[in-house]
Amino acid sequence: MSLIAFDFDGTLSDSEMTVLLAERAGVTDEVAEITERAMNDKIGYAESLYRRAALLEGLSAADAEDAFDAVRIRPGAARLIERLRDEGHHVAVLTGGFERGVEAALDREGVAVDTIVANRLPTDADGALTGEAEGPLIEGTKDDALADLAAEVGVPMTETVAVGDGANDLPMLEAAGLAVGFVPKSAVRPVCDSVVASMYRLGKVLEAHGVLADAE
């Protein structure tokens, strides 16, 4: 058994949750600028997330749910997850994004993963966003999350695979046995063992490394 850890926004999904939320809050440009700086390692991830969450303060429950309902996983992602789990691997999502969006996107495709480690946007009594953010992957890093999960499921770090695209994925990509960049940012590309641009190509990389059996 291997442990396969996916980033979500920009990797397993082609949606960016903070962008979808920002569109409904009317702060798209401000959030996009902060996101771009964070993904290219120009600003710390924790600071970037707190700043983006603050811009979303007051977004109604209905608008937040509408944004999360718009999250989609990439073509071929559901099938790849199913193949990995069918072959006995532990599939995880380690994301600085938000649980509600991950769960909604996976449910829509009728697919599940074994573990989700994600952040949350607290709401007030009326369900509106408070402008705060909380969760294990704000101040915490994905290498620690990957190591903790590997120990929990009994997989050596040499048998882990990390798939990501942005600067906050660097720690887990550097720590994993196999690091795959999914259309990675320029700061991320140098640490990747392989780079792919589709779930199909990711499947082929995993086949080449013996993680998946060759597809018929």
N, C-alpha and C. Protein backbone atom coordinates (compact mmCIF):
# COMPACT_ATOMS: atom_id res chain seq x y z
N MET A 1 0.83 -1.21 0.00
CA MET A 1 0.00 0.00 0.00
C MET A 1 0.86 1.25 0.00
N SER A 2 0.49 2.23 -0.81
CA SER A 2 1.11 3.54 -0.80
C SER A 2 0.10 4.57 -0.27
N LEU A 3 0.62 5.70 0.14
CA LEU A 3 -0.19 6.84 0.54
C LEU A 3 -0.06 7.90 -0.55
N ILE A 4 -1.19 8.26 -1.17
CA ILE A 4 -1.20 9.24 -2.24
C ILE A 4 -1.89 10.50 -1.71
N ALA A 5 -1.14 11.59 -1.62
CA ALA A 5 -1.66 12.84 -1.07
C ALA A 5 -1.80 13.89 -2.17
N PHE A 6 -3.02 14.33 -2.38
CA PHE A 6 -3.31 15.34 -3.38
C PHE A 6 -3.53 16.70 -2.72
N ASP A 7 -2.94 17.74 -3.28
CA ASP A 7 -3.46 19.08 -3.07
C ASP A 7 -4.82 19.14 -3.76
N PHE A 8 -5.61 20.14 -3.43
CA PHE A 8 -6.94 20.22 -4.06
C PHE A 8 -7.03 21.37 -5.06
N ASP A 9 -7.12 22.61 -4.59
CA ASP A 9 -7.27 23.74 -5.51
C ASP A 9 -6.08 23.82 -6.47
N GLY A 10 -6.37 23.78 -7.76
CA GLY A 10 -5.32 23.87 -8.76
C GLY A 10 -4.68 22.54 -9.10
N THR A 11 -5.03 21.49 -8.36
CA THR A 11 -4.44 20.17 -8.60
C THR A 11 -5.55 19.16 -8.87
N LEU A 12 -6.15 18.64 -7.81
CA LEU A 12 -7.25 17.69 -8.00
C LEU A 12 -8.46 18.40 -8.59
N SER A 13 -8.58 19.67 -8.30
CA SER A 13 -9.66 20.49 -8.84
C SER A 13 -9.10 21.60 -9.70
N ASP A 14 -9.85 21.99 -10.73
CA ASP A 14 -9.45 23.16 -11.50
C ASP A 14 -10.17 24.40 -11.01
N SER A 15 -10.85 24.28 -9.88
CA SER A 15 -11.50 25.42 -9.23
C SER A 15 -10.56 25.99 -8.17
N GLU A 16 -10.72 27.26 -7.86
CA GLU A 16 -10.06 27.88 -6.72
C GLU A 16 -11.15 28.39 -5.80
N MET A 17 -11.28 27.74 -4.64
CA MET A 17 -12.40 28.06 -3.75
C MET A 17 -12.44 29.52 -3.34
N THR A 18 -11.28 30.09 -3.00
CA THR A 18 -11.30 31.49 -2.57
C THR A 18 -11.73 32.41 -3.70
N VAL A 19 -11.42 32.05 -4.94
CA VAL A 19 -11.85 32.86 -6.08
C VAL A 19 -13.37 32.78 -6.24
N LEU A 20 -13.91 31.56 -6.14
CA LEU A 20 -15.36 31.40 -6.25
C LEU A 20 -16.09 32.17 -5.16
N LEU A 21 -15.55 32.14 -3.95
CA LEU A 21 -16.15 32.91 -2.86
C LEU A 21 -16.00 34.41 -3.11
N ALA A 22 -14.82 34.80 -3.60
CA ALA A 22 -14.55 36.22 -3.84
C ALA A 22 -15.47 36.80 -4.90
N GLU A 23 -15.79 36.00 -5.92
CA GLU A 23 -16.71 36.48 -6.96
C GLU A 23 -18.05 36.87 -6.36
N ARG A 24 -18.50 36.09 -5.42
CA ARG A 24 -19.80 36.36 -4.81
C ARG A 24 -19.73 37.48 -3.78
N ALA A 25 -18.52 37.74 -3.28
CA ALA A 25 -18.35 38.83 -2.31
C ALA A 25 -17.94 40.14 -2.97
N GLY A 26 -17.67 40.10 -4.27
CA GLY A 26 -17.28 41.31 -4.98
C GLY A 26 -15.86 41.75 -4.73
N VAL A 27 -14.98 40.80 -4.40
CA VAL A 27 -13.58 41.15 -4.10
C VAL A 27 -12.62 40.28 -4.93
N THR A 28 -13.02 39.99 -6.15
CA THR A 28 -12.26 39.06 -6.98
C THR A 28 -10.82 39.51 -7.21
N ASP A 29 -10.62 40.74 -7.59
CA ASP A 29 -9.28 41.21 -7.93
C ASP A 29 -8.36 41.18 -6.71
N GLU A 30 -8.87 41.60 -5.57
CA GLU A 30 -8.06 41.63 -4.36
C GLU A 30 -7.62 40.23 -3.95
N VAL A 31 -8.55 39.29 -4.00
CA VAL A 31 -8.24 37.91 -3.61
C VAL A 31 -7.29 37.26 -4.61
N ALA A 32 -7.51 37.51 -5.90
CA ALA A 32 -6.65 36.91 -6.92
C ALA A 32 -5.21 37.37 -6.77
N GLU A 33 -5.01 38.63 -6.44
CA GLU A 33 -3.65 39.16 -6.29
C GLU A 33 -2.95 38.51 -5.11
N ILE A 34 -3.65 38.35 -4.00
CA ILE A 34 -3.06 37.70 -2.83
C ILE A 34 -2.76 36.24 -3.12
N THR A 35 -3.69 35.54 -3.78
CA THR A 35 -3.50 34.13 -4.12
C THR A 35 -2.28 33.93 -5.01
N GLU A 36 -2.13 34.77 -6.02
CA GLU A 36 -1.01 34.64 -6.94
C GLU A 36 0.32 34.83 -6.22
N ARG A 37 0.38 35.80 -5.33
CA ARG A 37 1.62 36.03 -4.57
C ARG A 37 1.94 34.84 -3.67
N ALA A 38 0.92 34.24 -3.06
CA ALA A 38 1.15 33.10 -2.17
C ALA A 38 1.61 31.88 -2.95
N MET A 39 0.97 31.60 -4.10
CA MET A 39 1.32 30.40 -4.86
C MET A 39 2.72 30.49 -5.47
N ASN A 40 3.22 31.69 -5.63
CA ASN A 40 4.58 31.86 -6.16
C ASN A 40 5.59 32.17 -5.06
N ASP A 41 5.19 31.91 -3.82
CA ASP A 41 6.08 32.02 -2.66
C ASP A 41 6.55 33.45 -2.42
N LYS A 42 5.70 34.43 -2.72
CA LYS A 42 6.03 35.83 -2.48
C LYS A 42 5.47 36.32 -1.15
N ILE A 43 4.57 35.56 -0.56
CA ILE A 43 3.96 35.89 0.72
C ILE A 43 3.66 34.59 1.43
N GLY A 44 3.77 34.57 2.74
CA GLY A 44 3.51 33.36 3.50
C GLY A 44 2.07 32.89 3.34
N TYR A 45 1.89 31.56 3.31
CA TYR A 45 0.54 31.04 3.07
C TYR A 45 -0.43 31.44 4.17
N ALA A 46 0.00 31.36 5.44
CA ALA A 46 -0.90 31.70 6.54
C ALA A 46 -1.38 33.14 6.42
N GLU A 47 -0.44 34.05 6.19
CA GLU A 47 -0.82 35.46 6.05
C GLU A 47 -1.79 35.64 4.88
N SER A 48 -1.51 34.95 3.79
CA SER A 48 -2.37 35.11 2.61
C SER A 48 -3.78 34.61 2.88
N LEU A 49 -3.91 33.50 3.60
CA LEU A 49 -5.24 32.96 3.84
C LEU A 49 -6.02 33.85 4.81
N TYR A 50 -5.36 34.32 5.85
CA TYR A 50 -6.04 35.22 6.78
C TYR A 50 -6.51 36.49 6.06
N ARG A 51 -5.68 37.01 5.17
CA ARG A 51 -6.05 38.24 4.45
C ARG A 51 -7.21 37.98 3.49
N ARG A 52 -7.20 36.84 2.83
CA ARG A 52 -8.30 36.53 1.92
C ARG A 52 -9.60 36.28 2.69
N ALA A 53 -9.50 35.57 3.80
CA ALA A 53 -10.69 35.31 4.62
C ALA A 53 -11.30 36.61 5.12
N ALA A 54 -10.46 37.56 5.50
CA ALA A 54 -10.95 38.83 6.00
C ALA A 54 -11.76 39.57 4.94
N LEU A 55 -11.34 39.44 3.68
CA LEU A 55 -12.07 40.09 2.59
C LEU A 55 -13.46 39.48 2.37
N LEU A 56 -13.65 38.25 2.86
CA LEU A 56 -14.92 37.55 2.66
C LEU A 56 -15.92 37.77 3.81
N GLU A 57 -15.53 38.56 4.78
CA GLU A 57 -16.39 38.78 5.95
C GLU A 57 -17.77 39.28 5.50
N GLY A 58 -18.80 38.64 6.06
CA GLY A 58 -20.17 39.05 5.78
C GLY A 58 -20.82 38.33 4.62
N LEU A 59 -20.06 37.51 3.89
CA LEU A 59 -20.67 36.76 2.78
C LEU A 59 -21.75 35.84 3.34
N SER A 60 -22.93 35.90 2.75
CA SER A 60 -24.07 35.16 3.29
C SER A 60 -23.89 33.65 3.17
N ALA A 61 -24.63 32.93 3.99
CA ALA A 61 -24.59 31.47 3.95
C ALA A 61 -24.99 30.95 2.57
N ALA A 62 -26.01 31.57 1.99
CA ALA A 62 -26.47 31.12 0.67
C ALA A 62 -25.41 31.32 -0.39
N ASP A 63 -24.75 32.48 -0.36
CA ASP A 63 -23.70 32.74 -1.34
C ASP A 63 -22.50 31.83 -1.13
N ALA A 64 -22.14 31.56 0.13
CA ALA A 64 -21.03 30.66 0.41
C ALA A 64 -21.33 29.25 -0.10
N GLU A 65 -22.54 28.77 0.17
CA GLU A 65 -22.91 27.44 -0.30
C GLU A 65 -22.93 27.38 -1.83
N ASP A 66 -23.40 28.44 -2.46
CA ASP A 66 -23.40 28.51 -3.92
C ASP A 66 -21.98 28.40 -4.46
N ALA A 67 -21.03 29.05 -3.80
CA ALA A 67 -19.64 28.98 -4.22
C ALA A 67 -19.10 27.56 -4.06
N PHE A 68 -19.34 26.95 -2.93
CA PHE A 68 -18.84 25.59 -2.71
C PHE A 68 -19.49 24.59 -3.67
N ASP A 69 -20.74 24.83 -3.99
CA ASP A 69 -21.43 23.94 -4.94
C ASP A 69 -20.86 24.06 -6.35
N ALA A 70 -20.14 25.14 -6.63
CA ALA A 70 -19.55 25.34 -7.95
C ALA A 70 -18.18 24.68 -8.10
N VAL A 71 -17.64 24.13 -7.02
CA VAL A 71 -16.32 23.50 -7.08
C VAL A 71 -16.43 22.18 -7.86
N ARG A 72 -15.47 21.96 -8.74
CA ARG A 72 -15.45 20.74 -9.56
C ARG A 72 -14.07 20.09 -9.50
N ILE A 73 -14.03 18.77 -9.55
CA ILE A 73 -12.75 18.09 -9.71
C ILE A 73 -12.47 17.92 -11.20
N ARG A 74 -11.21 17.73 -11.53
CA ARG A 74 -10.78 17.69 -12.92
C ARG A 74 -11.30 16.44 -13.64
N PRO A 75 -11.44 16.54 -14.95
CA PRO A 75 -11.80 15.34 -15.73
C PRO A 75 -10.80 14.21 -15.47
N GLY A 76 -11.33 13.04 -15.21
CA GLY A 76 -10.48 11.88 -14.95
C GLY A 76 -10.06 11.70 -13.51
N ALA A 77 -10.30 12.72 -12.66
CA ALA A 77 -9.87 12.62 -11.27
C ALA A 77 -10.63 11.55 -10.51
N ALA A 78 -11.94 11.48 -10.71
CA ALA A 78 -12.74 10.48 -9.98
C ALA A 78 -12.28 9.07 -10.33
N ARG A 79 -12.06 8.82 -11.61
CA ARG A 79 -11.63 7.48 -12.03
C ARG A 79 -10.26 7.15 -11.46
N LEU A 80 -9.35 8.13 -11.44
CA LEU A 80 -8.01 7.87 -10.89
C LEU A 80 -8.08 7.56 -9.41
N ILE A 81 -8.88 8.31 -8.67
CA ILE A 81 -9.05 8.02 -7.25
C ILE A 81 -9.60 6.62 -7.05
N GLU A 82 -10.59 6.25 -7.84
CA GLU A 82 -11.17 4.91 -7.73
C GLU A 82 -10.12 3.83 -8.01
N ARG A 83 -9.31 4.03 -9.03
CA ARG A 83 -8.25 3.05 -9.35
C ARG A 83 -7.29 2.90 -8.17
N LEU A 84 -6.86 4.02 -7.62
CA LEU A 84 -5.92 3.98 -6.50
C LEU A 84 -6.51 3.24 -5.31
N ARG A 85 -7.75 3.53 -4.98
CA ARG A 85 -8.37 2.88 -3.82
C ARG A 85 -8.66 1.40 -4.11
N ASP A 86 -9.06 1.10 -5.35
CA ASP A 86 -9.31 -0.30 -5.71
C ASP A 86 -8.05 -1.14 -5.60
N GLU A 87 -6.88 -0.52 -5.83
CA GLU A 87 -5.63 -1.25 -5.74
C GLU A 87 -5.02 -1.19 -4.33
N GLY A 88 -5.81 -0.69 -3.38
CA GLY A 88 -5.43 -0.79 -1.97
C GLY A 88 -4.65 0.37 -1.41
N HIS A 89 -4.55 1.46 -2.14
CA HIS A 89 -3.81 2.62 -1.66
C HIS A 89 -4.70 3.53 -0.81
N HIS A 90 -4.05 4.27 0.08
CA HIS A 90 -4.74 5.25 0.91
C HIS A 90 -4.66 6.59 0.20
N VAL A 91 -5.81 7.15 -0.12
CA VAL A 91 -5.87 8.41 -0.87
C VAL A 91 -6.30 9.54 0.07
N ALA A 92 -5.51 10.61 0.08
CA ALA A 92 -5.78 11.73 0.96
C ALA A 92 -5.81 13.03 0.17
N VAL A 93 -6.58 13.98 0.68
CA VAL A 93 -6.54 15.35 0.20
C VAL A 93 -5.97 16.19 1.33
N LEU A 94 -4.85 16.84 1.08
CA LEU A 94 -4.23 17.76 2.04
C LEU A 94 -4.28 19.14 1.42
N THR A 95 -5.14 19.99 1.92
CA THR A 95 -5.39 21.26 1.26
C THR A 95 -5.53 22.42 2.23
N GLY A 96 -5.00 23.56 1.80
CA GLY A 96 -5.25 24.79 2.52
C GLY A 96 -6.62 25.35 2.21
N GLY A 97 -7.34 24.72 1.27
CA GLY A 97 -8.72 25.07 0.96
C GLY A 97 -9.67 24.56 2.04
N PHE A 98 -10.93 24.46 1.69
CA PHE A 98 -11.95 24.30 2.72
C PHE A 98 -12.73 23.01 2.58
N GLU A 99 -12.97 22.39 3.73
CA GLU A 99 -13.63 21.08 3.78
C GLU A 99 -14.93 21.05 2.97
N ARG A 100 -15.73 22.08 3.12
CA ARG A 100 -17.06 22.05 2.49
C ARG A 100 -16.95 21.97 0.98
N GLY A 101 -16.01 22.67 0.40
CA GLY A 101 -15.83 22.62 -1.05
C GLY A 101 -15.30 21.28 -1.52
N VAL A 102 -14.34 20.71 -0.79
CA VAL A 102 -13.80 19.41 -1.14
C VAL A 102 -14.90 18.36 -1.11
N GLU A 103 -15.63 18.33 0.00
CA GLU A 103 -16.68 17.32 0.15
C GLU A 103 -17.76 17.46 -0.91
N ALA A 104 -18.14 18.70 -1.22
CA ALA A 104 -19.18 18.92 -2.23
C ALA A 104 -18.73 18.44 -3.60
N ALA A 105 -17.49 18.71 -3.95
CA ALA A 105 -16.99 18.32 -5.27
C ALA A 105 -16.86 16.80 -5.40
N LEU A 106 -16.38 16.15 -4.35
CA LEU A 106 -16.26 14.69 -4.40
C LEU A 106 -17.64 14.03 -4.43
N ASP A 107 -18.55 14.53 -3.60
CA ASP A 107 -19.90 13.97 -3.57
C ASP A 107 -20.58 14.07 -4.93
N ARG A 108 -20.36 15.18 -5.60
CA ARG A 108 -20.99 15.40 -6.90
C ARG A 108 -20.57 14.32 -7.90
N GLU A 109 -19.33 13.87 -7.80
CA GLU A 109 -18.82 12.85 -8.72
C GLU A 109 -19.01 11.43 -8.18
N GLY A 110 -19.58 11.31 -7.01
CA GLY A 110 -19.83 9.99 -6.43
C GLY A 110 -18.56 9.25 -6.07
N VAL A 111 -17.54 9.99 -5.65
CA VAL A 111 -16.26 9.37 -5.29
C VAL A 111 -15.86 9.84 -3.90
N ALA A 112 -15.09 9.01 -3.21
CA ALA A 112 -14.64 9.35 -1.86
C ALA A 112 -13.15 9.13 -1.75
N VAL A 113 -12.54 9.85 -0.81
CA VAL A 113 -11.14 9.60 -0.46
C VAL A 113 -11.11 9.08 0.96
N ASP A 114 -9.94 8.62 1.39
CA ASP A 114 -9.84 8.04 2.73
C ASP A 114 -9.68 9.10 3.81
N THR A 115 -8.99 10.19 3.49
CA THR A 115 -8.71 11.23 4.48
C THR A 115 -8.78 12.59 3.82
N ILE A 116 -9.41 13.54 4.50
CA ILE A 116 -9.38 14.94 4.09
C ILE A 116 -8.81 15.75 5.25
N VAL A 117 -7.73 16.48 4.99
CA VAL A 117 -7.17 17.42 5.95
C VAL A 117 -7.29 18.80 5.30
N ALA A 118 -8.14 19.65 5.86
CA ALA A 118 -8.47 20.92 5.22
C ALA A 118 -8.81 21.96 6.28
N ASN A 119 -8.97 23.18 5.81
CA ASN A 119 -9.30 24.30 6.69
C ASN A 119 -10.80 24.61 6.65
N ARG A 120 -11.20 25.59 7.47
CA ARG A 120 -12.61 25.95 7.58
C ARG A 120 -12.75 27.47 7.63
N LEU A 121 -13.89 27.94 7.17
CA LEU A 121 -14.25 29.35 7.30
C LEU A 121 -15.41 29.43 8.28
N PRO A 122 -15.17 29.90 9.50
CA PRO A 122 -16.25 29.95 10.50
C PRO A 122 -17.39 30.87 10.07
N THR A 123 -18.56 30.57 10.60
CA THR A 123 -19.76 31.38 10.30
C THR A 123 -20.36 31.89 11.60
N ASP A 124 -21.13 32.97 11.47
CA ASP A 124 -21.82 33.51 12.63
C ASP A 124 -23.17 32.83 12.80
N ALA A 125 -23.99 33.34 13.71
CA ALA A 125 -25.28 32.71 14.02
C ALA A 125 -26.21 32.69 12.81
N ASP A 126 -26.01 33.60 11.88
CA ASP A 126 -26.85 33.65 10.68
C ASP A 126 -26.25 32.86 9.51
N GLY A 127 -25.09 32.25 9.73
CA GLY A 127 -24.46 31.47 8.68
C GLY A 127 -23.55 32.26 7.77
N ALA A 128 -23.39 33.57 8.03
CA ALA A 128 -22.49 34.39 7.22
C ALA A 128 -21.05 34.18 7.66
N LEU A 129 -20.11 34.36 6.73
CA LEU A 129 -18.70 34.19 7.05
C LEU A 129 -18.23 35.29 7.99
N THR A 130 -17.44 34.91 8.98
CA THR A 130 -16.98 35.87 10.00
C THR A 130 -15.75 36.64 9.56
N GLY A 131 -15.10 36.21 8.48
CA GLY A 131 -13.85 36.84 8.06
C GLY A 131 -12.63 36.19 8.69
N GLU A 132 -12.85 35.12 9.43
CA GLU A 132 -11.75 34.38 10.05
C GLU A 132 -11.53 33.08 9.29
N ALA A 133 -10.41 32.42 9.59
CA ALA A 133 -10.11 31.10 9.03
C ALA A 133 -9.50 30.27 10.14
N GLU A 134 -9.74 28.96 10.09
CA GLU A 134 -9.18 28.06 11.08
C GLU A 134 -8.94 26.70 10.46
N GLY A 135 -8.03 25.95 11.07
CA GLY A 135 -7.77 24.61 10.58
C GLY A 135 -6.30 24.23 10.66
N PRO A 136 -6.00 22.97 10.39
CA PRO A 136 -4.64 22.45 10.59
C PRO A 136 -3.63 22.89 9.54
N LEU A 137 -4.09 23.36 8.38
CA LEU A 137 -3.16 23.70 7.31
C LEU A 137 -3.14 25.19 7.02
N ILE A 138 -3.20 25.97 8.09
CA ILE A 138 -2.95 27.41 7.98
C ILE A 138 -1.54 27.67 8.48
N GLU A 139 -1.33 27.49 9.76
CA GLU A 139 0.02 27.60 10.31
C GLU A 139 0.79 26.29 10.13
N GLY A 140 0.07 25.16 10.16
CA GLY A 140 0.71 23.86 9.97
C GLY A 140 1.13 23.66 8.52
N THR A 141 2.09 22.77 8.30
CA THR A 141 2.60 22.55 6.95
C THR A 141 2.26 21.15 6.47
N LYS A 142 2.25 20.99 5.15
CA LYS A 142 1.80 19.73 4.56
C LYS A 142 2.80 18.60 4.72
N ASP A 143 4.08 18.89 4.96
CA ASP A 143 5.02 17.80 5.22
C ASP A 143 4.71 17.13 6.54
N ASP A 144 4.38 17.94 7.56
CA ASP A 144 4.00 17.37 8.85
C ASP A 144 2.69 16.59 8.73
N ALA A 145 1.73 17.14 7.99
CA ALA A 145 0.46 16.44 7.80
C ALA A 145 0.67 15.12 7.09
N LEU A 146 1.55 15.12 6.08
CA LEU A 146 1.84 13.88 5.35
C LEU A 146 2.54 12.87 6.25
N ALA A 147 3.52 13.33 7.02
CA ALA A 147 4.25 12.41 7.91
C ALA A 147 3.32 11.84 8.98
N ASP A 148 2.46 12.68 9.56
CA ASP A 148 1.52 12.19 10.58
C ASP A 148 0.58 11.15 9.99
N LEU A 149 0.07 11.40 8.80
CA LEU A 149 -0.86 10.47 8.19
C LEU A 149 -0.15 9.18 7.79
N ALA A 150 1.08 9.29 7.28
CA ALA A 150 1.84 8.09 6.92
C ALA A 150 2.06 7.21 8.14
N ALA A 151 2.40 7.83 9.27
CA ALA A 151 2.60 7.05 10.50
C ALA A 151 1.29 6.42 10.95
N GLU A 152 0.21 7.15 10.81
CA GLU A 152 -1.11 6.65 11.24
C GLU A 152 -1.54 5.42 10.44
N VAL A 153 -1.28 5.43 9.13
CA VAL A 153 -1.74 4.32 8.30
C VAL A 153 -0.66 3.27 8.07
N GLY A 154 0.55 3.51 8.63
CA GLY A 154 1.61 2.51 8.56
C GLY A 154 2.32 2.43 7.23
N VAL A 155 2.50 3.59 6.58
CA VAL A 155 3.20 3.64 5.30
C VAL A 155 4.51 4.40 5.49
N PRO A 156 5.66 3.83 5.11
CA PRO A 156 6.91 4.58 5.20
C PRO A 156 6.90 5.76 4.25
N MET A 157 7.62 6.82 4.60
CA MET A 157 7.62 8.01 3.77
C MET A 157 8.14 7.73 2.36
N THR A 158 8.99 6.74 2.22
CA THR A 158 9.48 6.38 0.89
C THR A 158 8.38 5.86 -0.01
N GLU A 159 7.26 5.42 0.58
CA GLU A 159 6.14 4.89 -0.19
C GLU A 159 5.00 5.90 -0.33
N THR A 160 5.29 7.16 -0.06
CA THR A 160 4.27 8.20 -0.22
C THR A 160 4.45 8.91 -1.55
N VAL A 161 3.32 9.40 -2.07
CA VAL A 161 3.31 10.19 -3.30
C VAL A 161 2.59 11.50 -2.99
N ALA A 162 3.19 12.61 -3.38
CA ALA A 162 2.54 13.91 -3.21
C ALA A 162 2.33 14.53 -4.58
N VAL A 163 1.14 15.13 -4.76
CA VAL A 163 0.79 15.77 -6.02
C VAL A 163 0.31 17.18 -5.69
N GLY A 164 1.00 18.20 -6.24
CA GLY A 164 0.63 19.57 -5.94
C GLY A 164 1.11 20.54 -6.98
N ASP A 165 0.77 21.81 -6.76
CA ASP A 165 1.11 22.82 -7.77
C ASP A 165 1.70 24.11 -7.22
N GLY A 166 1.42 24.45 -5.96
CA GLY A 166 1.78 25.76 -5.45
C GLY A 166 2.83 25.72 -4.35
N ALA A 167 3.24 26.91 -3.90
CA ALA A 167 4.31 27.02 -2.93
C ALA A 167 3.98 26.33 -1.61
N ASN A 168 2.70 26.35 -1.20
CA ASN A 168 2.38 25.67 0.07
C ASN A 168 2.43 24.15 -0.06
N ASP A 169 2.60 23.65 -1.29
CA ASP A 169 2.79 22.21 -1.49
C ASP A 169 4.26 21.79 -1.41
N LEU A 170 5.16 22.77 -1.45
CA LEU A 170 6.58 22.45 -1.46
C LEU A 170 7.01 21.53 -0.32
N PRO A 171 6.59 21.78 0.93
CA PRO A 171 7.05 20.91 2.00
C PRO A 171 6.69 19.44 1.79
N MET A 172 5.45 19.15 1.36
CA MET A 172 5.08 17.74 1.19
C MET A 172 5.73 17.15 -0.07
N LEU A 173 5.93 17.96 -1.10
CA LEU A 173 6.61 17.46 -2.30
C LEU A 173 8.05 17.10 -1.98
N GLU A 174 8.70 17.91 -1.16
CA GLU A 174 10.09 17.63 -0.78
C GLU A 174 10.18 16.41 0.13
N ALA A 175 9.15 16.16 0.93
CA ALA A 175 9.19 15.06 1.90
C ALA A 175 8.75 13.72 1.33
N ALA A 176 7.95 13.74 0.28
CA ALA A 176 7.36 12.51 -0.25
C ALA A 176 8.38 11.65 -0.99
N GLY A 177 8.07 10.37 -1.08
CA GLY A 177 8.91 9.47 -1.85
C GLY A 177 8.89 9.78 -3.33
N LEU A 178 7.73 10.20 -3.83
CA LEU A 178 7.57 10.60 -5.24
C LEU A 178 6.82 11.92 -5.26
N ALA A 179 7.40 12.93 -5.91
CA ALA A 179 6.79 14.25 -5.99
C ALA A 179 6.37 14.52 -7.42
N VAL A 180 5.07 14.80 -7.60
CA VAL A 180 4.53 15.07 -8.93
C VAL A 180 3.93 16.47 -8.93
N GLY A 181 4.39 17.30 -9.85
CA GLY A 181 3.83 18.63 -10.00
C GLY A 181 2.72 18.61 -11.03
N PHE A 182 1.58 19.18 -10.67
CA PHE A 182 0.46 19.28 -11.60
C PHE A 182 0.44 20.70 -12.13
N VAL A 183 0.97 20.91 -13.34
CA VAL A 183 1.16 22.25 -13.90
C VAL A 183 1.71 23.16 -12.78
N PRO A 184 2.87 22.82 -12.24
CA PRO A 184 3.37 23.53 -11.05
C PRO A 184 3.82 24.95 -11.36
N LYS A 185 3.74 25.80 -10.33
CA LYS A 185 4.30 27.13 -10.42
C LYS A 185 5.83 27.03 -10.53
N SER A 186 6.44 28.10 -11.00
CA SER A 186 7.88 28.06 -11.27
C SER A 186 8.71 27.76 -10.03
N ALA A 187 8.25 28.20 -8.86
CA ALA A 187 8.98 27.94 -7.62
C ALA A 187 8.89 26.49 -7.19
N VAL A 188 7.93 25.75 -7.74
CA VAL A 188 7.67 24.37 -7.33
C VAL A 188 8.33 23.36 -8.26
N ARG A 189 8.43 23.69 -9.52
CA ARG A 189 8.90 22.75 -10.54
C ARG A 189 10.24 22.08 -10.19
N PRO A 190 11.24 22.81 -9.64
CA PRO A 190 12.54 22.17 -9.40
C PRO A 190 12.53 20.98 -8.44
N VAL A 191 11.53 20.90 -7.55
CA VAL A 191 11.53 19.80 -6.58
C VAL A 191 10.73 18.59 -7.06
N CYS A 192 10.13 18.69 -8.24
CA CYS A 192 9.24 17.63 -8.73
C CYS A 192 10.02 16.55 -9.47
N ASP A 193 9.69 15.30 -9.18
CA ASP A 193 10.28 14.18 -9.93
C ASP A 193 9.65 14.06 -11.31
N SER A 194 8.36 14.40 -11.41
CA SER A 194 7.63 14.40 -12.67
C SER A 194 6.69 15.58 -12.70
N VAL A 195 6.35 16.04 -13.89
CA VAL A 195 5.40 17.13 -14.07
C VAL A 195 4.33 16.67 -15.06
N VAL A 196 3.07 16.89 -14.73
CA VAL A 196 1.96 16.47 -15.59
C VAL A 196 0.97 17.61 -15.74
N ALA A 197 0.09 17.46 -16.74
CA ALA A 197 -0.92 18.49 -17.00
C ALA A 197 -2.32 17.89 -17.13
N SER A 198 -2.48 16.61 -16.80
CA SER A 198 -3.80 15.98 -16.86
C SER A 198 -3.82 14.79 -15.92
N MET A 199 -5.02 14.39 -15.54
CA MET A 199 -5.15 13.20 -14.70
C MET A 199 -4.73 11.94 -15.46
N TYR A 200 -4.94 11.95 -16.75
CA TYR A 200 -4.49 10.81 -17.57
C TYR A 200 -2.98 10.65 -17.46
N ARG A 201 -2.24 11.77 -17.61
CA ARG A 201 -0.78 11.69 -17.54
C ARG A 201 -0.33 11.34 -16.13
N LEU A 202 -1.04 11.81 -15.13
CA LEU A 202 -0.70 11.43 -13.76
C LEU A 202 -0.84 9.94 -13.57
N GLY A 203 -1.92 9.36 -14.11
CA GLY A 203 -2.08 7.91 -14.04
C GLY A 203 -0.91 7.18 -14.69
N LYS A 204 -0.44 7.69 -15.82
CA LYS A 204 0.69 7.06 -16.51
C LYS A 204 1.97 7.16 -15.69
N VAL A 205 2.18 8.28 -15.02
CA VAL A 205 3.35 8.42 -14.15
C VAL A 205 3.28 7.42 -13.00
N LEU A 206 2.10 7.27 -12.41
CA LEU A 206 1.95 6.32 -11.31
C LEU A 206 2.13 4.88 -11.79
N GLU A 207 1.71 4.60 -13.00
CA GLU A 207 1.97 3.27 -13.58
C GLU A 207 3.47 3.06 -13.76
N ALA A 208 4.15 4.07 -14.29
CA ALA A 208 5.59 3.96 -14.56
C ALA A 208 6.39 3.72 -13.28
N HIS A 209 5.89 4.25 -12.16
CA HIS A 209 6.58 4.07 -10.89
C HIS A 209 6.06 2.89 -10.09
N GLY A 210 5.19 2.09 -10.69
CA GLY A 210 4.71 0.88 -10.04
C GLY A 210 3.67 1.10 -8.97
N VAL A 211 3.13 2.33 -8.89
CA VAL A 211 2.08 2.59 -7.90
C VAL A 211 0.76 2.00 -8.38
N LEU A 212 0.49 2.14 -9.67
CA LEU A 212 -0.70 1.57 -10.29
C LEU A 212 -0.31 0.48 -11.29
N ALA A 213 -1.16 -0.52 -11.42
CA ALA A 213 -0.98 -1.50 -12.46
C ALA A 213 -1.25 -0.84 -13.81
N ASP A 214 -0.58 -1.30 -14.85
CA ASP A 214 -0.80 -0.75 -16.18
C ASP A 214 -2.26 -0.93 -16.58
N ALA A 215 -2.86 0.14 -17.10
CA ALA A 215 -4.24 0.06 -17.57
C ALA A 215 -4.29 -0.78 -18.83
N GLU A 216 -5.37 -1.51 -18.98
CA GLU A 216 -5.52 -2.35 -20.18
C GLU A 216 -5.85 -1.49 -21.38
